[in-house]
Amino acid sequence: MSVTKACSAVALLTLVDQGAVDMTEKVATYWPAFSGDGKEDMTVRTLISHQSGVIYADAAPAGSLWDGHSVEAALEAAAPEWEPGTGGAYHSFTYGPFAQWPDPARGWPRCGDPLAGECCAAISASISGSG
């Protein structure tokens, strides 16, 4: 699972390079449902650098890690464990859902799209099931 964080970061930074995502912008700009409960001013940079304080998805039902929606909803409802940007902790299971935004449903390209396309093409790689 840890390798997916690096892949997601490369894809997200590709979107940053293309001007589709701004690292200094608030996460709520791209993921409105994530704002609230102390997350209103969190920037993209804070989120992807393991400094968000949102490290648990406790509201997600047992066994729902891979369903694609329950963990995301739990993270949207979660309050940070500390003020975002003032501390850090490894996001073992929460980083993946974070990297799924922006997505087409929100009007933005999905992080897996550049990863599956131009990022993999640059190193002659392929990914099954991305996007």
Protein backbone atom coordinates (compact mmCIF):
# COMPACT_ATOMS: atom_id res chain seq x y z
CA MET A 1 0.00 0.00 0.00
CA SER A 2 2.84 2.42 0.65
CA VAL A 3 3.89 2.42 -3.00
CA THR A 4 0.45 3.77 -3.93
CA LYS A 5 1.21 6.92 -1.94
CA ALA A 6 4.24 7.65 -4.11
CA CYS A 7 2.30 6.89 -7.29
CA SER A 8 -0.60 9.07 -6.15
CA ALA A 9 1.79 11.89 -5.30
CA VAL A 10 3.39 11.72 -8.76
CA ALA A 11 -0.04 11.83 -10.39
CA LEU A 12 -1.21 14.70 -8.20
CA LEU A 13 1.98 16.67 -8.85
CA THR A 14 1.44 16.10 -12.56
CA LEU A 15 -1.92 17.84 -12.17
CA VAL A 16 -0.16 20.61 -10.24
CA ASP A 17 2.35 20.96 -13.08
CA GLN A 18 -0.52 21.18 -15.58
CA GLY A 19 -2.17 23.91 -13.52
CA ALA A 20 -5.22 21.81 -12.66
CA VAL A 21 -4.44 21.74 -8.92
CA ASP A 22 -2.86 24.44 -6.74
CA MET A 23 -0.91 23.22 -3.71
CA THR A 24 -1.69 26.43 -1.79
CA GLU A 25 -5.44 26.21 -2.44
CA LYS A 26 -7.84 24.98 0.21
CA VAL A 27 -8.81 21.32 -0.09
CA ALA A 28 -12.46 22.42 0.06
CA THR A 29 -12.03 24.06 -3.35
CA TYR A 30 -11.64 20.61 -4.87
CA TRP A 31 -13.48 18.51 -2.29
CA PRO A 32 -16.27 20.63 -0.75
CA ALA A 33 -17.64 17.81 1.43
CA PHE A 34 -14.27 17.54 3.17
CA SER A 35 -14.52 21.03 4.68
CA GLY A 36 -15.87 21.51 8.18
CA ASP A 37 -14.92 20.23 11.62
CA GLY A 38 -11.64 22.16 11.63
CA LYS A 39 -10.67 21.34 8.03
CA GLU A 40 -12.00 24.53 6.38
CA ASP A 41 -8.61 26.19 5.86
CA MET A 42 -6.53 23.08 5.15
CA THR A 43 -4.42 23.40 2.01
CA VAL A 44 -3.63 20.71 -0.53
CA ARG A 45 0.02 20.85 0.59
CA THR A 46 -0.96 20.19 4.21
CA LEU A 47 -3.22 17.32 3.17
CA ILE A 48 -0.71 15.42 1.06
CA SER A 49 2.23 15.97 3.41
CA HIS A 50 0.69 13.87 6.20
CA GLN A 51 0.02 16.99 8.29
CA SER A 52 -3.78 17.14 8.03
CA GLY A 53 -4.49 15.55 11.40
CA VAL A 54 -7.20 13.48 9.71
CA ILE A 55 -5.60 10.11 10.23
CA TYR A 56 -8.55 7.92 11.16
CA ALA A 57 -11.65 6.87 9.30
CA ASP A 58 -13.35 5.47 12.39
CA ALA A 59 -16.86 6.19 11.09
CA ALA A 60 -16.35 3.77 8.19
CA PRO A 61 -18.01 0.38 8.74
CA ALA A 62 -15.78 -2.63 9.33
CA GLY A 63 -14.73 -4.23 6.06
CA SER A 64 -15.41 -1.12 3.97
CA LEU A 65 -11.84 -0.06 3.29
CA TRP A 66 -11.94 -1.02 -0.38
CA ASP A 67 -15.51 -0.02 -1.29
CA GLY A 68 -14.41 3.41 -2.48
CA HIS A 69 -17.03 5.47 -0.66
CA SER A 70 -17.31 4.58 3.02
CA VAL A 71 -13.80 5.67 3.95
CA GLU A 72 -14.17 8.86 1.92
CA ALA A 73 -17.43 9.70 3.75
CA ALA A 74 -15.80 8.92 7.10
CA LEU A 75 -12.89 11.24 6.31
CA GLU A 76 -15.32 13.96 5.29
CA ALA A 77 -17.02 13.62 8.68
CA ALA A 78 -13.80 13.35 10.70
CA ALA A 79 -12.31 16.13 12.75
CA PRO A 80 -8.51 16.53 12.74
CA GLU A 81 -6.65 15.05 15.69
CA TRP A 82 -4.61 18.29 15.82
CA GLU A 83 -4.70 21.66 14.09
CA PRO A 84 -3.84 20.96 10.44
CA GLY A 85 -0.28 21.89 9.59
CA THR A 86 1.02 21.81 13.16
CA GLY A 87 1.95 18.13 13.39
CA GLY A 88 2.37 15.04 11.31
CA ALA A 89 1.57 11.36 11.29
CA TYR A 90 1.71 8.62 8.70
CA HIS A 91 -1.61 8.27 6.89
CA SER A 92 -1.61 4.51 6.49
CA PHE A 93 -5.13 3.99 5.14
CA THR A 94 -6.37 7.53 4.64
CA TYR A 95 -3.89 8.70 2.00
CA GLY A 96 -5.50 6.66 -0.78
CA PRO A 97 -8.94 8.27 -0.50
CA PHE A 98 -7.29 11.68 -0.24
CA ALA A 99 -5.50 11.04 -3.51
CA GLN A 100 -8.75 10.13 -5.29
CA TRP A 101 -9.78 13.77 -5.46
CA PRO A 102 -10.03 15.68 -7.64
CA ASP A 103 -12.22 13.47 -9.76
CA PRO A 104 -14.52 13.87 -12.76
CA ALA A 105 -17.63 13.91 -10.56
CA ARG A 106 -16.23 17.06 -8.97
CA GLY A 107 -15.32 18.54 -12.36
CA TRP A 108 -11.59 17.89 -12.06
CA PRO A 109 -9.31 15.23 -13.55
CA ARG A 110 -8.78 12.23 -11.33
CA CYS A 111 -5.29 11.61 -10.00
CA GLY A 112 -5.18 8.15 -11.56
CA ASP A 113 -5.70 9.56 -15.04
CA PRO A 114 -2.27 11.16 -15.50
CA LEU A 115 -0.68 8.28 -13.62
CA ALA A 116 -2.20 5.73 -15.98
CA GLY A 117 -1.48 7.93 -18.99
CA GLU A 118 1.49 10.21 -19.32
CA CYS A 119 3.30 9.28 -16.09
CA CYS A 120 3.43 5.59 -16.98
CA ALA A 121 4.22 6.31 -20.61
CA ALA A 122 7.25 8.33 -19.53
CA ILE A 123 8.77 5.26 -17.86
CA SER A 124 7.26 2.58 -20.14
CA ALA A 125 5.06 1.21 -17.35
CA SER A 126 1.42 0.21 -17.10
CA ILE A 127 -1.12 0.06 -14.33
CA SER A 128 -4.06 -2.31 -14.15
CA GLY A 129 -7.32 -0.99 -12.73
CA SER A 130 -6.30 2.65 -12.37
CA GLY A 131 -8.66 5.52 -13.02
